[in-house]
All heavy atoms as atom14 arrays in JSON, in Angstrom:
{
  "sequence": "KNRIIALPAYLGDGFSVAGVKWISSFLGNLERGIERASAVVILNST",
  "atom14_mask": [
    [1, 1, 1, 1, 1, 1, 1, 1, 1, 0, 0, 0, 0, 0],
    [1, 1, 1, 1, 1, 1, 1, 1, 0, 0, 0, 0, 0, 0],
    [1, 1, 1, 1, 1, 1, 1, 1, 1, 1, 1, 0, 0, 0],
    [1, 1, 1, 1, 1, 1, 1, 1, 0, 0, 0, 0, 0, 0],
    [1, 1, 1, 1, 1, 1, 1, 1, 0, 0, 0, 0, 0, 0],
    [1, 1, 1, 1, 1, 0, 0, 0, 0, 0, 0, 0, 0, 0],
    [1, 1, 1, 1, 1, 1, 1, 1, 0, 0, 0, 0, 0, 0],
    [1, 1, 1, 1, 1, 1, 1, 0, 0, 0, 0, 0, 0, 0],
    [1, 1, 1, 1, 1, 0, 0, 0, 0, 0, 0, 0, 0, 0],
    [1, 1, 1, 1, 1, 1, 1, 1, 1, 1, 1, 1, 0, 0],
    [1, 1, 1, 1, 1, 1, 1, 1, 0, 0, 0, 0, 0, 0],
    [1, 1, 1, 1, 0, 0, 0, 0, 0, 0, 0, 0, 0, 0],
    [1, 1, 1, 1, 1, 1, 1, 1, 0, 0, 0, 0, 0, 0],
    [1, 1, 1, 1, 0, 0, 0, 0, 0, 0, 0, 0, 0, 0],
    [1, 1, 1, 1, 1, 1, 1, 1, 1, 1, 1, 0, 0, 0],
    [1, 1, 1, 1, 1, 1, 0, 0, 0, 0, 0, 0, 0, 0],
    [1, 1, 1, 1, 1, 1, 1, 0, 0, 0, 0, 0, 0, 0],
    [1, 1, 1, 1, 1, 0, 0, 0, 0, 0, 0, 0, 0, 0],
    [1, 1, 1, 1, 0, 0, 0, 0, 0, 0, 0, 0, 0, 0],
    [1, 1, 1, 1, 1, 1, 1, 0, 0, 0, 0, 0, 0, 0],
    [1, 1, 1, 1, 1, 1, 1, 1, 1, 0, 0, 0, 0, 0],
    [1, 1, 1, 1, 1, 1, 1, 1, 1, 1, 1, 1, 1, 1],
    [1, 1, 1, 1, 1, 1, 1, 1, 0, 0, 0, 0, 0, 0],
    [1, 1, 1, 1, 1, 1, 0, 0, 0, 0, 0, 0, 0, 0],
    [1, 1, 1, 1, 1, 1, 0, 0, 0, 0, 0, 0, 0, 0],
    [1, 1, 1, 1, 1, 1, 1, 1, 1, 1, 1, 0, 0, 0],
    [1, 1, 1, 1, 1, 1, 1, 1, 0, 0, 0, 0, 0, 0],
    [1, 1, 1, 1, 0, 0, 0, 0, 0, 0, 0, 0, 0, 0],
    [1, 1, 1, 1, 1, 1, 1, 1, 0, 0, 0, 0, 0, 0],
    [1, 1, 1, 1, 1, 1, 1, 1, 0, 0, 0, 0, 0, 0],
    [1, 1, 1, 1, 1, 1, 1, 1, 1, 0, 0, 0, 0, 0],
    [1, 1, 1, 1, 1, 1, 1, 1, 1, 1, 1, 0, 0, 0],
    [1, 1, 1, 1, 0, 0, 0, 0, 0, 0, 0, 0, 0, 0],
    [1, 1, 1, 1, 1, 1, 1, 1, 0, 0, 0, 0, 0, 0],
    [1, 1, 1, 1, 1, 1, 1, 1, 1, 0, 0, 0, 0, 0],
    [1, 1, 1, 1, 1, 1, 1, 1, 1, 1, 1, 0, 0, 0],
    [1, 1, 1, 1, 1, 0, 0, 0, 0, 0, 0, 0, 0, 0],
    [1, 1, 1, 1, 1, 1, 0, 0, 0, 0, 0, 0, 0, 0],
    [1, 1, 1, 1, 1, 0, 0, 0, 0, 0, 0, 0, 0, 0],
    [1, 1, 1, 1, 1, 1, 1, 0, 0, 0, 0, 0, 0, 0],
    [1, 1, 1, 1, 1, 1, 1, 0, 0, 0, 0, 0, 0, 0],
    [1, 1, 1, 1, 1, 1, 1, 1, 0, 0, 0, 0, 0, 0],
    [1, 1, 1, 1, 1, 1, 1, 1, 0, 0, 0, 0, 0, 0],
    [1, 1, 1, 1, 1, 1, 1, 1, 0, 0, 0, 0, 0, 0],
    [1, 1, 1, 1, 1, 1, 0, 0, 0, 0, 0, 0, 0, 0],
    [1, 1, 1, 1, 1, 1, 1, 0, 0, 0, 0, 0, 0, 0]
  ],
  "atom14_positions": [
    [[59.89, 52.69, 107.85], [60.68, 51.5, 107.57], [61.29, 51.52, 106.17], [62.17, 50.71, 105.87], [59.82, 50.24, 107.74], [59.42, 49.97, 109.19], [58.68, 48.65, 109.31], [58.33, 48.33, 110.76], [57.63, 47.03, 110.9], [0.0, 0.0, 0.0], [0.0, 0.0, 0.0], [0.0, 0.0, 0.0], [0.0, 0.0, 0.0], [0.0, 0.0, 0.0]],
    [[60.8, 52.41, 105.3], [61.3, 52.48, 103.93], [62.35, 53.58, 103.81], [62.22, 54.65, 104.41], [60.17, 52.74, 102.95], [59.17, 51.6, 102.9], [59.51, 50.46, 103.23], [57.95, 51.89, 102.5], [0.0, 0.0, 0.0], [0.0, 0.0, 0.0], [0.0, 0.0, 0.0], [0.0, 0.0, 0.0], [0.0, 0.0, 0.0], [0.0, 0.0, 0.0]],
    [[63.37, 53.33, 102.99], [64.4, 54.34, 102.8], [65.19, 54.04, 101.53], [65.23, 52.9, 101.07], [65.35, 54.37, 103.99], [66.13, 53.07, 104.21], [66.95, 53.13, 105.49], [67.8, 51.95, 105.66], [67.43, 50.84, 106.27], [66.22, 50.75, 106.8], [68.27, 49.82, 106.38], [0.0, 0.0, 0.0], [0.0, 0.0, 0.0], [0.0, 0.0, 0.0]],
    [[65.78, 55.09, 100.99], [66.76, 54.95, 99.9], [67.99, 55.72, 100.34], [67.88, 56.86, 100.79], [66.24, 55.47, 98.56], [64.83, 54.93, 98.26], [67.19, 55.07, 97.43], [64.24, 55.43, 96.95], [0.0, 0.0, 0.0], [0.0, 0.0, 0.0], [0.0, 0.0, 0.0], [0.0, 0.0, 0.0], [0.0, 0.0, 0.0], [0.0, 0.0, 0.0]],
    [[69.15, 55.11, 100.22], [70.38, 55.7, 100.74], [71.38, 55.9, 99.61], [71.6, 55.01, 98.79], [71.01, 54.79, 101.81], [69.96, 54.32, 102.82], [72.14, 55.51, 102.54], [70.47, 53.26, 103.77], [0.0, 0.0, 0.0], [0.0, 0.0, 0.0], [0.0, 0.0, 0.0], [0.0, 0.0, 0.0], [0.0, 0.0, 0.0], [0.0, 0.0, 0.0]],
    [[72.01, 57.07, 99.6], [73.08, 57.37, 98.66], [74.42, 57.32, 99.38], [74.59, 57.98, 100.41], [72.87, 58.74, 98.03], [0.0, 0.0, 0.0], [0.0, 0.0, 0.0], [0.0, 0.0, 0.0], [0.0, 0.0, 0.0], [0.0, 0.0, 0.0], [0.0, 0.0, 0.0], [0.0, 0.0, 0.0], [0.0, 0.0, 0.0], [0.0, 0.0, 0.0]],
    [[75.35, 56.54, 98.85], [76.69, 56.43, 99.43], [77.72, 56.83, 98.38], [78.18, 56.0, 97.58], [76.98, 54.99, 99.9], [76.21, 54.46, 101.1], [74.85, 53.9, 100.66], [77.0, 53.35, 101.79], [0.0, 0.0, 0.0], [0.0, 0.0, 0.0], [0.0, 0.0, 0.0], [0.0, 0.0, 0.0], [0.0, 0.0, 0.0], [0.0, 0.0, 0.0]],
    [[78.09, 58.12, 98.33], [79.13, 58.55, 97.4], [80.51, 58.29, 97.97], [80.69, 58.27, 99.19], [78.86, 60.06, 97.27], [78.28, 60.44, 98.6], [77.5, 59.23, 99.09], [0.0, 0.0, 0.0], [0.0, 0.0, 0.0], [0.0, 0.0, 0.0], [0.0, 0.0, 0.0], [0.0, 0.0, 0.0], [0.0, 0.0, 0.0], [0.0, 0.0, 0.0]],
    [[81.49, 58.08, 97.1], [82.83, 57.79, 97.61], [83.86, 57.93, 96.5], [83.55, 57.84, 95.31], [82.89, 56.38, 98.21], [0.0, 0.0, 0.0], [0.0, 0.0, 0.0], [0.0, 0.0, 0.0], [0.0, 0.0, 0.0], [0.0, 0.0, 0.0], [0.0, 0.0, 0.0], [0.0, 0.0, 0.0], [0.0, 0.0, 0.0], [0.0, 0.0, 0.0]],
    [[85.1, 58.15, 96.91], [86.25, 58.16, 96.01], [87.36, 57.35, 96.66], [87.62, 57.48, 97.86], [86.75, 59.57, 95.74], [88.15, 59.61, 95.14], [88.36, 59.27, 93.8], [89.25, 59.94, 95.93], [89.64, 59.28, 93.26], [90.53, 59.95, 95.4], [90.72, 59.62, 94.06], [91.99, 59.62, 93.53], [0.0, 0.0, 0.0], [0.0, 0.0, 0.0]],
    [[88.02, 56.51, 95.89], [89.13, 55.71, 96.38], [90.29, 55.86, 95.41], [90.18, 55.51, 94.23], [88.71, 54.23, 96.48], [89.73, 53.27, 97.07], [90.08, 53.65, 98.49], [89.19, 51.84, 97.03], [0.0, 0.0, 0.0], [0.0, 0.0, 0.0], [0.0, 0.0, 0.0], [0.0, 0.0, 0.0], [0.0, 0.0, 0.0], [0.0, 0.0, 0.0]],
    [[91.41, 56.43, 95.91], [92.59, 56.64, 95.08], [93.63, 55.56, 95.3], [93.31, 54.38, 95.37], [0.0, 0.0, 0.0], [0.0, 0.0, 0.0], [0.0, 0.0, 0.0], [0.0, 0.0, 0.0], [0.0, 0.0, 0.0], [0.0, 0.0, 0.0], [0.0, 0.0, 0.0], [0.0, 0.0, 0.0], [0.0, 0.0, 0.0], [0.0, 0.0, 0.0]],
    [[94.9, 55.98, 95.42], [95.99, 55.07, 95.73], [96.04, 53.89, 94.77], [96.12, 52.73, 95.18], [95.87, 54.58, 97.18], [97.16, 53.91, 97.66], [98.21, 54.19, 97.08], [97.1, 53.11, 98.62], [0.0, 0.0, 0.0], [0.0, 0.0, 0.0], [0.0, 0.0, 0.0], [0.0, 0.0, 0.0], [0.0, 0.0, 0.0], [0.0, 0.0, 0.0]],
    [[95.98, 54.19, 93.47], [96.06, 53.13, 92.46], [94.72, 52.6, 92.01], [94.65, 51.9, 90.99], [0.0, 0.0, 0.0], [0.0, 0.0, 0.0], [0.0, 0.0, 0.0], [0.0, 0.0, 0.0], [0.0, 0.0, 0.0], [0.0, 0.0, 0.0], [0.0, 0.0, 0.0], [0.0, 0.0, 0.0], [0.0, 0.0, 0.0], [0.0, 0.0, 0.0]],
    [[93.63, 52.9, 92.75], [92.31, 52.43, 92.36], [91.64, 53.41, 91.4], [91.06, 53.0, 90.4], [91.43, 52.23, 93.59], [91.79, 51.04, 94.42], [92.72, 51.15, 95.45], [91.24, 49.8, 94.16], [93.07, 50.05, 96.22], [91.58, 48.69, 94.91], [92.5, 48.82, 95.94], [0.0, 0.0, 0.0], [0.0, 0.0, 0.0], [0.0, 0.0, 0.0]],
    [[91.68, 54.71, 91.72], [91.04, 55.74, 90.91], [89.58, 55.4, 90.63], [89.14, 55.3, 89.48], [91.8, 55.95, 89.6], [93.09, 56.45, 89.86], [0.0, 0.0, 0.0], [0.0, 0.0, 0.0], [0.0, 0.0, 0.0], [0.0, 0.0, 0.0], [0.0, 0.0, 0.0], [0.0, 0.0, 0.0], [0.0, 0.0, 0.0], [0.0, 0.0, 0.0]],
    [[88.84, 55.19, 91.7], [87.43, 54.83, 91.59], [86.59, 55.93, 92.24], [86.89, 56.39, 93.34], [87.15, 53.5, 92.32], [85.67, 53.16, 92.29], [87.95, 52.37, 91.7], [0.0, 0.0, 0.0], [0.0, 0.0, 0.0], [0.0, 0.0, 0.0], [0.0, 0.0, 0.0], [0.0, 0.0, 0.0], [0.0, 0.0, 0.0], [0.0, 0.0, 0.0]],
    [[85.57, 56.37, 91.53], [84.63, 57.34, 92.09], [83.22, 56.94, 91.67], [83.02, 56.31, 90.62], [84.95, 58.75, 91.6], [0.0, 0.0, 0.0], [0.0, 0.0, 0.0], [0.0, 0.0, 0.0], [0.0, 0.0, 0.0], [0.0, 0.0, 0.0], [0.0, 0.0, 0.0], [0.0, 0.0, 0.0], [0.0, 0.0, 0.0], [0.0, 0.0, 0.0]],
    [[82.24, 57.31, 92.47], [80.87, 57.01, 92.11], [79.95, 57.01, 93.31], [80.25, 57.61, 94.35], [0.0, 0.0, 0.0], [0.0, 0.0, 0.0], [0.0, 0.0, 0.0], [0.0, 0.0, 0.0], [0.0, 0.0, 0.0], [0.0, 0.0, 0.0], [0.0, 0.0, 0.0], [0.0, 0.0, 0.0], [0.0, 0.0, 0.0], [0.0, 0.0, 0.0]],
    [[78.83, 56.32, 93.17], [77.83, 56.3, 94.23], [77.05, 54.98, 94.2], [76.81, 54.42, 93.13], [76.86, 57.5, 94.07], [76.07, 57.41, 92.76], [75.91, 57.61, 95.27], [0.0, 0.0, 0.0], [0.0, 0.0, 0.0], [0.0, 0.0, 0.0], [0.0, 0.0, 0.0], [0.0, 0.0, 0.0], [0.0, 0.0, 0.0], [0.0, 0.0, 0.0]],
    [[76.73, 54.5, 95.38], [75.78, 53.39, 95.51], [74.45, 53.99, 95.95], [74.39, 54.75, 96.9], [76.25, 52.35, 96.54], [75.24, 51.19, 96.7], [75.73, 50.11, 97.63], [75.63, 50.52, 99.09], [75.84, 49.38, 100.02], [0.0, 0.0, 0.0], [0.0, 0.0, 0.0], [0.0, 0.0, 0.0], [0.0, 0.0, 0.0], [0.0, 0.0, 0.0]],
    [[73.38, 53.64, 95.26], [72.03, 54.15, 95.52], [71.19, 52.93, 95.84], [70.82, 52.17, 94.95], [71.54, 54.9, 94.29], [70.18, 55.52, 94.31], [69.17, 55.25, 93.43], [69.68, 56.54, 95.17], [68.07, 56.03, 93.71], [68.34, 56.84, 94.77], [70.22, 57.23, 96.27], [67.56, 57.79, 95.43], [69.43, 58.18, 96.9], [68.12, 58.45, 96.48]],
    [[70.93, 52.71, 97.14], [70.32, 51.45, 97.58], [69.05, 51.7, 98.37], [69.01, 52.56, 99.26], [71.33, 50.61, 98.41], [70.71, 49.26, 98.81], [71.87, 51.38, 99.61], [71.71, 48.25, 99.31], [0.0, 0.0, 0.0], [0.0, 0.0, 0.0], [0.0, 0.0, 0.0], [0.0, 0.0, 0.0], [0.0, 0.0, 0.0], [0.0, 0.0, 0.0]],
    [[68.01, 50.96, 98.03], [66.72, 51.13, 98.7], [66.42, 49.91, 99.57], [66.89, 48.8, 99.32], [65.6, 51.31, 97.68], [65.39, 50.11, 96.95], [0.0, 0.0, 0.0], [0.0, 0.0, 0.0], [0.0, 0.0, 0.0], [0.0, 0.0, 0.0], [0.0, 0.0, 0.0], [0.0, 0.0, 0.0], [0.0, 0.0, 0.0], [0.0, 0.0, 0.0]],
    [[65.61, 50.15, 100.61], [65.13, 49.09, 101.48], [63.65, 49.32, 101.71], [63.27, 50.29, 102.38], [65.89, 49.1, 102.82], [65.32, 48.17, 103.72], [0.0, 0.0, 0.0], [0.0, 0.0, 0.0], [0.0, 0.0, 0.0], [0.0, 0.0, 0.0], [0.0, 0.0, 0.0], [0.0, 0.0, 0.0], [0.0, 0.0, 0.0], [0.0, 0.0, 0.0]],
    [[62.81, 48.44, 101.15], [61.36, 48.53, 101.28], [60.86, 47.19, 101.81], [60.82, 46.19, 101.09], [60.71, 48.85, 99.93], [60.75, 50.31, 99.56], [61.96, 50.98, 99.42], [59.58, 51.01, 99.34], [62.01, 52.32, 99.08], [59.61, 52.36, 98.99], [60.83, 53.02, 98.87], [0.0, 0.0, 0.0], [0.0, 0.0, 0.0], [0.0, 0.0, 0.0]],
    [[60.48, 47.17, 103.08], [60.1, 45.91, 103.72], [58.87, 45.28, 103.07], [58.73, 44.06, 103.04], [59.84, 46.14, 105.2], [61.08, 46.36, 106.07], [60.68, 46.59, 107.52], [62.03, 45.18, 105.97], [0.0, 0.0, 0.0], [0.0, 0.0, 0.0], [0.0, 0.0, 0.0], [0.0, 0.0, 0.0], [0.0, 0.0, 0.0], [0.0, 0.0, 0.0]],
    [[57.97, 46.11, 102.53], [56.78, 45.58, 101.9], [57.05, 44.73, 100.68], [56.18, 43.96, 100.23], [0.0, 0.0, 0.0], [0.0, 0.0, 0.0], [0.0, 0.0, 0.0], [0.0, 0.0, 0.0], [0.0, 0.0, 0.0], [0.0, 0.0, 0.0], [0.0, 0.0, 0.0], [0.0, 0.0, 0.0], [0.0, 0.0, 0.0], [0.0, 0.0, 0.0]],
    [[58.26, 44.82, 100.15], [58.61, 44.01, 98.98], [58.53, 42.51, 99.28], [58.25, 41.7, 98.4], [60.02, 44.35, 98.5], [60.08, 45.67, 97.77], [59.05, 46.29, 97.52], [61.28, 46.11, 97.45], [0.0, 0.0, 0.0], [0.0, 0.0, 0.0], [0.0, 0.0, 0.0], [0.0, 0.0, 0.0], [0.0, 0.0, 0.0], [0.0, 0.0, 0.0]],
    [[58.82, 42.15, 100.53], [58.8, 40.73, 100.89], [57.41, 40.14, 100.7], [57.26, 39.0, 100.27], [59.27, 40.56, 102.33], [60.7, 41.04, 102.62], [61.03, 40.91, 104.1], [61.7, 40.26, 101.78], [0.0, 0.0, 0.0], [0.0, 0.0, 0.0], [0.0, 0.0, 0.0], [0.0, 0.0, 0.0], [0.0, 0.0, 0.0], [0.0, 0.0, 0.0]],
    [[56.38, 40.93, 101.0], [55.0, 40.47, 100.79], [54.66, 40.4, 99.31], [53.75, 39.68, 98.91], [54.03, 41.4, 101.51], [54.21, 41.42, 103.03], [53.3, 42.41, 103.71], [52.5, 43.07, 102.99], [53.37, 42.53, 104.94], [0.0, 0.0, 0.0], [0.0, 0.0, 0.0], [0.0, 0.0, 0.0], [0.0, 0.0, 0.0], [0.0, 0.0, 0.0]],
    [[55.38, 41.17, 98.5], [55.18, 41.14, 97.05], [55.96, 40.02, 96.37], [55.88, 39.85, 95.16], [55.59, 42.49, 96.44], [54.81, 43.69, 96.97], [55.26, 44.98, 96.28], [54.52, 46.12, 96.74], [54.93, 46.96, 97.69], [56.11, 46.76, 98.28], [54.19, 47.99, 98.07], [0.0, 0.0, 0.0], [0.0, 0.0, 0.0], [0.0, 0.0, 0.0]],
    [[56.74, 39.3, 97.16], [57.53, 38.21, 96.6], [58.81, 38.66, 95.92], [59.38, 37.92, 95.11], [0.0, 0.0, 0.0], [0.0, 0.0, 0.0], [0.0, 0.0, 0.0], [0.0, 0.0, 0.0], [0.0, 0.0, 0.0], [0.0, 0.0, 0.0], [0.0, 0.0, 0.0], [0.0, 0.0, 0.0], [0.0, 0.0, 0.0], [0.0, 0.0, 0.0]],
    [[59.26, 39.88, 96.24], [60.52, 40.38, 95.68], [61.45, 40.77, 96.83], [61.03, 40.88, 97.98], [60.31, 41.57, 94.72], [59.59, 42.73, 95.44], [59.51, 41.13, 93.5], [59.4, 43.95, 94.55], [0.0, 0.0, 0.0], [0.0, 0.0, 0.0], [0.0, 0.0, 0.0], [0.0, 0.0, 0.0], [0.0, 0.0, 0.0], [0.0, 0.0, 0.0]],
    [[62.73, 40.97, 96.51], [63.72, 41.25, 97.54], [63.47, 42.6, 98.21], [63.03, 43.56, 97.57], [65.13, 41.22, 96.95], [65.55, 39.88, 96.4], [65.8, 38.85, 97.49], [65.81, 39.23, 98.68], [65.98, 37.67, 97.15], [0.0, 0.0, 0.0], [0.0, 0.0, 0.0], [0.0, 0.0, 0.0], [0.0, 0.0, 0.0], [0.0, 0.0, 0.0]],
    [[63.79, 42.66, 99.5], [63.64, 43.9, 100.26], [64.51, 45.01, 99.69], [64.08, 46.15, 99.54], [64.04, 43.65, 101.72], [64.14, 44.92, 102.57], [64.72, 44.6, 103.94], [66.07, 44.07, 103.86], [67.17, 44.81, 103.75], [67.09, 46.14, 103.71], [68.37, 44.25, 103.68], [0.0, 0.0, 0.0], [0.0, 0.0, 0.0], [0.0, 0.0, 0.0]],
    [[65.75, 44.69, 99.35], [66.72, 45.7, 98.92], [66.95, 45.62, 97.41], [66.97, 44.54, 96.82], [68.04, 45.52, 99.65], [0.0, 0.0, 0.0], [0.0, 0.0, 0.0], [0.0, 0.0, 0.0], [0.0, 0.0, 0.0], [0.0, 0.0, 0.0], [0.0, 0.0, 0.0], [0.0, 0.0, 0.0], [0.0, 0.0, 0.0], [0.0, 0.0, 0.0]],
    [[67.11, 46.79, 96.81], [67.53, 46.88, 95.41], [68.51, 48.04, 95.31], [68.47, 48.97, 96.12], [66.34, 47.08, 94.48], [65.64, 48.27, 94.82], [0.0, 0.0, 0.0], [0.0, 0.0, 0.0], [0.0, 0.0, 0.0], [0.0, 0.0, 0.0], [0.0, 0.0, 0.0], [0.0, 0.0, 0.0], [0.0, 0.0, 0.0], [0.0, 0.0, 0.0]],
    [[69.39, 47.99, 94.31], [70.43, 49.02, 94.25], [71.03, 49.13, 92.87], [70.99, 48.18, 92.07], [71.53, 48.71, 95.27], [0.0, 0.0, 0.0], [0.0, 0.0, 0.0], [0.0, 0.0, 0.0], [0.0, 0.0, 0.0], [0.0, 0.0, 0.0], [0.0, 0.0, 0.0], [0.0, 0.0, 0.0], [0.0, 0.0, 0.0], [0.0, 0.0, 0.0]],
    [[71.58, 50.29, 92.61], [72.44, 50.49, 91.45], [73.72, 51.15, 91.93], [73.73, 51.88, 92.92], [71.79, 51.37, 90.35], [70.62, 50.67, 89.71], [71.37, 52.73, 90.9], [0.0, 0.0, 0.0], [0.0, 0.0, 0.0], [0.0, 0.0, 0.0], [0.0, 0.0, 0.0], [0.0, 0.0, 0.0], [0.0, 0.0, 0.0], [0.0, 0.0, 0.0]],
    [[74.82, 50.85, 91.24], [76.1, 51.52, 91.47], [76.46, 52.26, 90.19], [76.4, 51.69, 89.09], [77.21, 50.51, 91.82], [78.55, 51.22, 91.92], [76.89, 49.8, 93.13], [0.0, 0.0, 0.0], [0.0, 0.0, 0.0], [0.0, 0.0, 0.0], [0.0, 0.0, 0.0], [0.0, 0.0, 0.0], [0.0, 0.0, 0.0], [0.0, 0.0, 0.0]],
    [[76.78, 53.53, 90.33], [77.25, 54.33, 89.19], [78.73, 54.6, 89.39], [79.14, 55.14, 90.41], [76.48, 55.65, 89.08], [74.98, 55.4, 88.9], [77.01, 56.48, 87.9], [74.14, 56.66, 88.91], [0.0, 0.0, 0.0], [0.0, 0.0, 0.0], [0.0, 0.0, 0.0], [0.0, 0.0, 0.0], [0.0, 0.0, 0.0], [0.0, 0.0, 0.0]],
    [[79.54, 54.2, 88.43], [80.97, 54.48, 88.45], [81.26, 55.66, 87.53], [80.75, 55.71, 86.4], [81.77, 53.26, 87.97], [81.65, 51.98, 88.81], [82.45, 50.86, 88.16], [82.12, 52.22, 90.23], [0.0, 0.0, 0.0], [0.0, 0.0, 0.0], [0.0, 0.0, 0.0], [0.0, 0.0, 0.0], [0.0, 0.0, 0.0], [0.0, 0.0, 0.0]],
    [[82.07, 56.6, 88.01], [82.44, 57.78, 87.23], [83.93, 57.78, 86.92], [84.74, 57.35, 87.75], [82.09, 59.06, 87.98], [80.6, 59.26, 88.14], [79.97, 58.62, 88.97], [80.05, 60.15, 87.34], [0.0, 0.0, 0.0], [0.0, 0.0, 0.0], [0.0, 0.0, 0.0], [0.0, 0.0, 0.0], [0.0, 0.0, 0.0], [0.0, 0.0, 0.0]],
    [[84.29, 58.29, 85.76], [85.69, 58.47, 85.42], [86.31, 59.52, 86.34], [85.73, 60.59, 86.56], [85.83, 58.92, 83.96], [87.15, 59.39, 83.7], [0.0, 0.0, 0.0], [0.0, 0.0, 0.0], [0.0, 0.0, 0.0], [0.0, 0.0, 0.0], [0.0, 0.0, 0.0], [0.0, 0.0, 0.0], [0.0, 0.0, 0.0], [0.0, 0.0, 0.0]],
    [[87.49, 59.23, 86.88], [88.17, 60.22, 87.72], [88.95, 61.22, 86.88], [89.53, 62.16, 87.42], [89.13, 59.52, 88.7], [90.05, 58.71, 87.97], [88.34, 58.66, 89.69], [0.0, 0.0, 0.0], [0.0, 0.0, 0.0], [0.0, 0.0, 0.0], [0.0, 0.0, 0.0], [0.0, 0.0, 0.0], [0.0, 0.0, 0.0], [0.0, 0.0, 0.0]]
  ]
}
């Protein structure tokens, strides 16, 4: 039930955005009183 997912991507056409979303889902967090999902987004210069 636990996982961490990496979503890399690039978007051009005037956006010039590159980077990755690194997002976790840990169901046991709910019993700890914290959110199931947590994440960071890293933006890179194109």
